[in-house]
Structure formats: structure tokens, C-alpha cells
């Protein structure tokens, strides 16, 4: 588990598999960039937003079933 996935788990309660998906959503759909220039508060907020998007993406059939 990397730094961002650890933060995601703490912010959202997601498991490690979903934390990887959430990290990807944060990079590609929320920030459209790397994560290293974001503050901790921005990362925590984005993790929660991305967790919500993961549910929506799952319901749309864009991601595998939630773990």
C-alpha cells in the first residue's frame, strides 16, 4: 500500500483494492494530474469525492464490482 492508498483508506474506510481504484479516479478524473502537489486536506476531500464516483462508475458498469 502506498502513501496515497493509506490516506484513502483512512479518509474513506475503503479496502486496499478499492483504494487503488479511488487513487486512479483522483489522478485522472478529479485533479487530472499527479497527486504530489496537493495538500493533505485536498487529498482527503478528493478521496471522499472519488469514493462517491467509484460507486457511480460501478453502477454504470465502468469498474468491477465493489469489494
PDB file of N, CA and C in Angstrom:
ATOM      1  N   UNK A   1       0.868  -1.170   0.000  1.00  0.00           N
ATOM      2  CA  UNK A   1       0.000   0.000   0.000  1.00  0.00           C
ATOM      3  C   UNK A   1       0.911   1.227   0.000  1.00  0.00           C
ATOM      4  N   UNK A   2       0.638   2.162  -0.911  1.00  0.00           N
ATOM      5  CA  UNK A   2       1.449   3.372  -0.973  1.00  0.00           C
ATOM      6  C   UNK A   2       0.856   4.475  -0.085  1.00  0.00           C
ATOM      7  N   UNK A   3       1.550   5.602  -0.024  1.00  0.00           N
ATOM      8  CA  UNK A   3       1.130   6.720   0.827  1.00  0.00           C
ATOM      9  C   UNK A   3      -0.299   7.150   0.515  1.00  0.00           C
ATOM     10  N   UNK A   4      -0.622   7.294  -0.763  1.00  0.00           N
ATOM     11  CA  UNK A   4      -1.946   7.782  -1.149  1.00  0.00           C
ATOM     12  C   UNK A   4      -3.032   6.771  -0.806  1.00  0.00           C
ATOM     13  N   UNK A   5      -2.768   5.509  -1.037  1.00  0.00           N
ATOM     14  CA  UNK A   5      -3.759   4.489  -0.701  1.00  0.00           C
ATOM     15  C   UNK A   5      -3.992   4.421   0.802  1.00  0.00           C
ATOM     16  N   UNK A   6      -2.940   4.595   1.595  1.00  0.00           N
ATOM     17  CA  UNK A   6      -3.094   4.635   3.048  1.00  0.00           C
ATOM     18  C   UNK A   6      -3.980   5.810   3.451  1.00  0.00           C
ATOM     19  N   UNK A   7      -3.745   6.964   2.869  1.00  0.00           N
ATOM     20  CA  UNK A   7      -4.563   8.148   3.148  1.00  0.00           C
ATOM     21  C   UNK A   7      -6.015   7.903   2.736  1.00  0.00           C
ATOM     22  N   UNK A   8      -6.216   7.281   1.588  1.00  0.00           N
ATOM     23  CA  UNK A   8      -7.562   6.991   1.086  1.00  0.00           C
ATOM     24  C   UNK A   8      -8.302   6.055   2.038  1.00  0.00           C
ATOM     25  N   UNK A   9      -7.623   5.020   2.498  1.00  0.00           N
ATOM     26  CA  UNK A   9      -8.244   4.079   3.443  1.00  0.00           C
ATOM     27  C   UNK A   9      -8.660   4.816   4.710  1.00  0.00           C
ATOM     28  N   UNK A  10      -7.788   5.686   5.210  1.00  0.00           N
ATOM     29  CA  UNK A  10      -8.104   6.440   6.429  1.00  0.00           C
ATOM     30  C   UNK A  10      -9.254   7.424   6.205  1.00  0.00           C
ATOM     31  N   UNK A  11      -9.308   8.035   5.026  1.00  0.00           N
ATOM     32  CA  UNK A  11     -10.336   9.042   4.744  1.00  0.00           C
ATOM     33  C   UNK A  11     -11.693   8.429   4.440  1.00  0.00           C
ATOM     34  N   UNK A  12     -11.695   7.239   3.833  1.00  0.00           N
ATOM     35  CA  UNK A  12     -12.949   6.684   3.322  1.00  0.00           C
ATOM     36  C   UNK A  12     -13.356   5.355   3.945  1.00  0.00           C
ATOM     37  N   UNK A  13     -12.416   4.659   4.548  1.00  0.00           N
ATOM     38  CA  UNK A  13     -12.707   3.323   5.055  1.00  0.00           C
ATOM     39  C   UNK A  13     -12.700   2.262   3.968  1.00  0.00           C
ATOM     40  N   UNK A  14     -12.250   2.621   2.771  1.00  0.00           N
ATOM     41  CA  UNK A  14     -12.203   1.673   1.656  1.00  0.00           C
ATOM     42  C   UNK A  14     -11.179   0.582   1.927  1.00  0.00           C
ATOM     43  N   UNK A  15     -11.363  -0.560   1.283  1.00  0.00           N
ATOM     44  CA  UNK A  15     -10.344  -1.602   1.369  1.00  0.00           C
ATOM     45  C   UNK A  15      -9.234  -1.287   0.370  1.00  0.00           C
ATOM     46  N   UNK A  16      -8.153  -2.063   0.396  1.00  0.00           N
ATOM     47  CA  UNK A  16      -6.979  -1.757  -0.422  1.00  0.00           C
ATOM     48  C   UNK A  16      -7.284  -1.829  -1.918  1.00  0.00           C
ATOM     49  N   UNK A  17      -8.123  -2.760  -2.334  1.00  0.00           N
ATOM     50  CA  UNK A  17      -8.460  -2.858  -3.757  1.00  0.00           C
ATOM     51  C   UNK A  17      -9.186  -1.608  -4.219  1.00  0.00           C
ATOM     52  N   UNK A  18     -10.211  -1.219  -3.485  1.00  0.00           N
ATOM     53  CA  UNK A  18     -10.965  -0.028  -3.856  1.00  0.00           C
ATOM     54  C   UNK A  18     -10.114   1.228  -3.710  1.00  0.00           C
ATOM     55  N   UNK A  19      -9.180   1.237  -2.750  1.00  0.00           N
ATOM     56  CA  UNK A  19      -8.292   2.390  -2.587  1.00  0.00           C
ATOM     57  C   UNK A  19      -7.469   2.613  -3.852  1.00  0.00           C
ATOM     58  N   UNK A  20      -7.067   1.538  -4.510  1.00  0.00           N
ATOM     59  CA  UNK A  20      -6.344   1.671  -5.777  1.00  0.00           C
ATOM     60  C   UNK A  20      -7.206   2.302  -6.854  1.00  0.00           C
ATOM     61  N   UNK A  21      -8.462   1.881  -6.928  1.00  0.00           N
ATOM     62  CA  UNK A  21      -9.387   2.488  -7.892  1.00  0.00           C
ATOM     63  C   UNK A  21      -9.624   3.961  -7.559  1.00  0.00           C
ATOM     64  N   UNK A  22      -9.791   4.252  -6.286  1.00  0.00           N
ATOM     65  CA  UNK A  22     -10.038   5.631  -5.855  1.00  0.00           C
ATOM     66  C   UNK A  22      -8.835   6.505  -6.187  1.00  0.00           C
ATOM     67  N   UNK A  23      -7.627   5.984  -5.966  1.00  0.00           N
ATOM     68  CA  UNK A  23      -6.419   6.745  -6.317  1.00  0.00           C
ATOM     69  C   UNK A  23      -6.414   7.072  -7.808  1.00  0.00           C
ATOM     70  N   UNK A  24      -6.761   6.095  -8.629  1.00  0.00           N
ATOM     71  CA  UNK A  24      -6.813   6.307 -10.075  1.00  0.00           C
ATOM     72  C   UNK A  24      -7.836   7.386 -10.437  1.00  0.00           C
ATOM     73  N   UNK A  25      -8.992   7.353  -9.819  1.00  0.00           N
ATOM     74  CA  UNK A  25     -10.028   8.359 -10.075  1.00  0.00           C
ATOM     75  C   UNK A  25      -9.544   9.737  -9.644  1.00  0.00           C
ATOM     76  N   UNK A  26      -8.853   9.809  -8.507  1.00  0.00           N
ATOM     77  CA  UNK A  26      -8.322  11.097  -8.044  1.00  0.00           C
ATOM     78  C   UNK A  26      -7.351  11.673  -9.072  1.00  0.00           C
ATOM     79  N   UNK A  27      -6.461  10.834  -9.592  1.00  0.00           N
ATOM     80  CA  UNK A  27      -5.453  11.298 -10.553  1.00  0.00           C
ATOM     81  C   UNK A  27      -6.083  11.714 -11.889  1.00  0.00           C
ATOM     82  N   UNK A  28      -7.004  10.890 -12.382  1.00  0.00           N
ATOM     83  CA  UNK A  28      -7.498  11.077 -13.743  1.00  0.00           C
ATOM     84  C   UNK A  28      -8.773  11.893 -13.870  1.00  0.00           C
ATOM     85  N   UNK A  29      -9.636  11.850 -12.872  1.00  0.00           N
ATOM     86  CA  UNK A  29     -10.937  12.500 -13.006  1.00  0.00           C
ATOM     87  C   UNK A  29     -11.110  13.728 -12.123  1.00  0.00           C
ATOM     88  N   UNK A  30     -10.383  13.790 -11.027  1.00  0.00           N
ATOM     89  CA  UNK A  30     -10.553  14.930 -10.126  1.00  0.00           C
ATOM     90  C   UNK A  30      -9.467  15.968 -10.360  1.00  0.00           C
ATOM     91  N   UNK A  31      -8.196  15.553 -10.252  1.00  0.00           N
ATOM     92  CA  UNK A  31      -7.107  16.521 -10.389  1.00  0.00           C
ATOM     93  C   UNK A  31      -6.542  16.586 -11.802  1.00  0.00           C
ATOM     94  N   UNK A  32      -6.759  15.560 -12.619  1.00  0.00           N
ATOM     95  CA  UNK A  32      -6.195  15.499 -13.974  1.00  0.00           C
ATOM     96  C   UNK A  32      -4.689  15.727 -13.936  1.00  0.00           C
ATOM     97  N   UNK A  33      -4.050  15.177 -12.906  1.00  0.00           N
ATOM     98  CA  UNK A  33      -2.629  15.427 -12.689  1.00  0.00           C
ATOM     99  C   UNK A  33      -2.102  14.446 -11.651  1.00  0.00           C
ATOM    100  N   UNK A  34      -0.832  14.631 -11.317  1.00  0.00           N
ATOM    101  CA  UNK A  34      -0.253  13.869 -10.218  1.00  0.00           C
ATOM    102  C   UNK A  34      -0.834  14.374  -8.910  1.00  0.00           C
ATOM    103  N   UNK A  35      -0.621  13.617  -7.859  1.00  0.00           N
ATOM    104  CA  UNK A  35      -1.194  13.979  -6.563  1.00  0.00           C
ATOM    105  C   UNK A  35      -0.202  14.691  -5.653  1.00  0.00           C
ATOM    106  N   UNK A  36       1.069  14.683  -6.004  1.00  0.00           N
ATOM    107  CA  UNK A  36       2.098  15.155  -5.080  1.00  0.00           C
ATOM    108  C   UNK A  36       2.063  16.647  -4.783  1.00  0.00           C
ATOM    109  N   UNK A  37       1.376  17.434  -5.543  1.00  0.00           N
ATOM    110  CA  UNK A  37       1.328  18.882  -5.283  1.00  0.00           C
ATOM    111  C   UNK A  37       0.086  19.296  -4.498  1.00  0.00           C
ATOM    112  N   UNK A  38      -0.754  18.327  -4.116  1.00  0.00           N
ATOM    113  CA  UNK A  38      -1.971  18.618  -3.356  1.00  0.00           C
ATOM    114  C   UNK A  38      -1.679  18.638  -1.856  1.00  0.00           C
ATOM    115  N   UNK A  39      -2.399  19.470  -1.133  1.00  0.00           N
ATOM    116  CA  UNK A  39      -2.283  19.468   0.330  1.00  0.00           C
ATOM    117  C   UNK A  39      -2.990  18.228   0.881  1.00  0.00           C
ATOM    118  N   UNK A  40      -2.694  17.893   2.125  1.00  0.00           N
ATOM    119  CA  UNK A  40      -3.351  16.744   2.761  1.00  0.00           C
ATOM    120  C   UNK A  40      -4.864  16.948   2.803  1.00  0.00           C
ATOM    121  N   UNK A  41      -5.302  18.166   3.113  1.00  0.00           N
ATOM    122  CA  UNK A  41      -6.743  18.448   3.160  1.00  0.00           C
ATOM    123  C   UNK A  41      -7.383  18.244   1.788  1.00  0.00           C
ATOM    124  N   UNK A  42      -6.707  18.680   0.729  1.00  0.00           N
ATOM    125  CA  UNK A  42      -7.240  18.494  -0.621  1.00  0.00           C
ATOM    126  C   UNK A  42      -7.309  17.009  -0.972  1.00  0.00           C
ATOM    127  N   UNK A  43      -6.292  16.259  -0.567  1.00  0.00           N
ATOM    128  CA  UNK A  43      -6.285  14.824  -0.842  1.00  0.00           C
ATOM    129  C   UNK A  43      -7.409  14.107  -0.105  1.00  0.00           C
ATOM    130  N   UNK A  44      -7.622  14.477   1.147  1.00  0.00           N
ATOM    131  CA  UNK A  44      -8.691  13.847   1.938  1.00  0.00           C
ATOM    132  C   UNK A  44     -10.063  14.135   1.319  1.00  0.00           C
ATOM    133  N   UNK A  45     -10.284  15.366   0.930  1.00  0.00           N
ATOM    134  CA  UNK A  45     -11.562  15.752   0.313  1.00  0.00           C
ATOM    135  C   UNK A  45     -11.739  15.028  -1.028  1.00  0.00           C
ATOM    136  N   UNK A  46     -10.669  14.989  -1.824  1.00  0.00           N
ATOM    137  CA  UNK A  46     -10.738  14.327  -3.124  1.00  0.00           C
ATOM    138  C   UNK A  46     -10.971  12.826  -2.967  1.00  0.00           C
ATOM    139  N   UNK A  47     -10.394  12.227  -1.931  1.00  0.00           N
ATOM    140  CA  UNK A  47     -10.602  10.793  -1.696  1.00  0.00           C
ATOM    141  C   UNK A  47     -12.078  10.501  -1.458  1.00  0.00           C
ATOM    142  N   UNK A  48     -12.715  11.342  -0.681  1.00  0.00           N
ATOM    143  CA  UNK A  48     -14.149  11.154  -0.409  1.00  0.00           C
ATOM    144  C   UNK A  48     -14.971  11.358  -1.679  1.00  0.00           C
ATOM    145  N   UNK A  49     -14.620  12.373  -2.456  1.00  0.00           N
ATOM    146  CA  UNK A  49     -15.324  12.612  -3.721  1.00  0.00           C
ATOM    147  C   UNK A  49     -15.121  11.436  -4.680  1.00  0.00           C
ATOM    148  N   UNK A  50     -13.884  10.953  -4.759  1.00  0.00           N
ATOM    149  CA  UNK A  50     -13.573   9.845  -5.663  1.00  0.00           C
ATOM    150  C   UNK A  50     -14.262   8.556  -5.225  1.00  0.00           C
ATOM    151  N   UNK A  51     -14.422   8.358  -3.928  1.00  0.00           N
ATOM    152  CA  UNK A  51     -15.143   7.173  -3.446  1.00  0.00           C
ATOM    153  C   UNK A  51     -16.589   7.210  -3.930  1.00  0.00           C
ATOM    154  N   UNK A  52     -17.186   8.384  -3.919  1.00  0.00           N
ATOM    155  CA  UNK A  52     -18.542   8.532  -4.448  1.00  0.00           C
ATOM    156  C   UNK A  52     -18.596   8.261  -5.939  1.00  0.00           C
ATOM    157  N   UNK A  53     -17.586   8.753  -6.659  1.00  0.00           N
ATOM    158  CA  UNK A  53     -17.531   8.493  -8.098  1.00  0.00           C
ATOM    159  C   UNK A  53     -17.342   7.009  -8.383  1.00  0.00           C
ATOM    160  N   UNK A  54     -16.569   6.324  -7.554  1.00  0.00           N
ATOM    161  CA  UNK A  54     -16.369   4.890  -7.751  1.00  0.00           C
ATOM    162  C   UNK A  54     -17.699   4.147  -7.690  1.00  0.00           C
ATOM    163  N   UNK A  55     -18.551   4.520  -6.765  1.00  0.00           N
ATOM    164  CA  UNK A  55     -19.879   3.898  -6.673  1.00  0.00           C
ATOM    165  C   UNK A  55     -20.660   4.161  -7.960  1.00  0.00           C
ATOM    166  N   UNK A  56     -20.637   5.414  -8.425  1.00  0.00           N
ATOM    167  CA  UNK A  56     -21.348   5.757  -9.665  1.00  0.00           C
ATOM    168  C   UNK A  56     -20.773   4.996 -10.857  1.00  0.00           C
ATOM    169  N   UNK A  57     -19.446   4.929 -10.952  1.00  0.00           N
ATOM    170  CA  UNK A  57     -18.803   4.218 -12.061  1.00  0.00           C
ATOM    171  C   UNK A  57     -19.144   2.724 -12.008  1.00  0.00           C
ATOM    172  N   UNK A  58     -19.176   2.176 -10.816  1.00  0.00           N
ATOM    173  CA  UNK A  58     -19.543   0.765 -10.663  1.00  0.00           C
ATOM    174  C   UNK A  58     -20.974   0.539 -11.153  1.00  0.00           C
ATOM    175  N   UNK A  59     -21.876   1.403 -10.732  1.00  0.00           N
ATOM    176  CA  UNK A  59     -23.280   1.265 -11.136  1.00  0.00           C
ATOM    177  C   UNK A  59     -23.447   1.399 -12.643  1.00  0.00           C
ATOM    178  N   UNK A  60     -22.564   2.177 -13.278  1.00  0.00           N
ATOM    179  CA  UNK A  60     -22.614   2.354 -14.731  1.00  0.00           C
ATOM    180  C   UNK A  60     -21.878   1.233 -15.469  1.00  0.00           C
ATOM    181  N   UNK A  61     -21.266   0.313 -14.719  1.00  0.00           N
ATOM    182  CA  UNK A  61     -20.552  -0.796 -15.334  1.00  0.00           C
ATOM    183  C   UNK A  61     -19.156  -0.449 -15.810  1.00  0.00           C
ATOM    184  N   UNK A  62     -18.598   0.658 -15.335  1.00  0.00           N
ATOM    185  CA  UNK A  62     -17.279   1.095 -15.782  1.00  0.00           C
ATOM    186  C   UNK A  62     -16.140   0.529 -14.941  1.00  0.00           C
ATOM    187  N   UNK A  63     -16.433   0.021 -13.765  1.00  0.00           N
ATOM    188  CA  UNK A  63     -15.441  -0.574 -12.870  1.00  0.00           C
ATOM    189  C   UNK A  63     -15.965  -1.926 -12.416  1.00  0.00           C
ATOM    190  N   UNK A  64     -15.067  -2.814 -12.002  1.00  0.00           N
ATOM    191  CA  UNK A  64     -15.524  -4.101 -11.464  1.00  0.00           C
ATOM    192  C   UNK A  64     -16.372  -3.887 -10.214  1.00  0.00           C
ATOM    193  N   UNK A  65     -17.088  -4.902  -9.786  1.00  0.00           N
ATOM    194  CA  UNK A  65     -17.913  -4.763  -8.572  1.00  0.00           C
ATOM    195  C   UNK A  65     -17.085  -4.279  -7.386  1.00  0.00           C
ATOM    196  N   UNK A  66     -17.721  -3.521  -6.506  1.00  0.00           N
ATOM    197  CA  UNK A  66     -17.042  -3.033  -5.309  1.00  0.00           C
ATOM    198  C   UNK A  66     -16.664  -4.207  -4.428  1.00  0.00           C
ATOM    199  N   UNK A  67     -15.524  -4.088  -3.794  1.00  0.00           N
ATOM    200  CA  UNK A  67     -15.028  -5.172  -2.927  1.00  0.00           C
ATOM    201  C   UNK A  67     -15.710  -5.140  -1.587  1.00  0.00           C
TER     202      UNK A  67
END
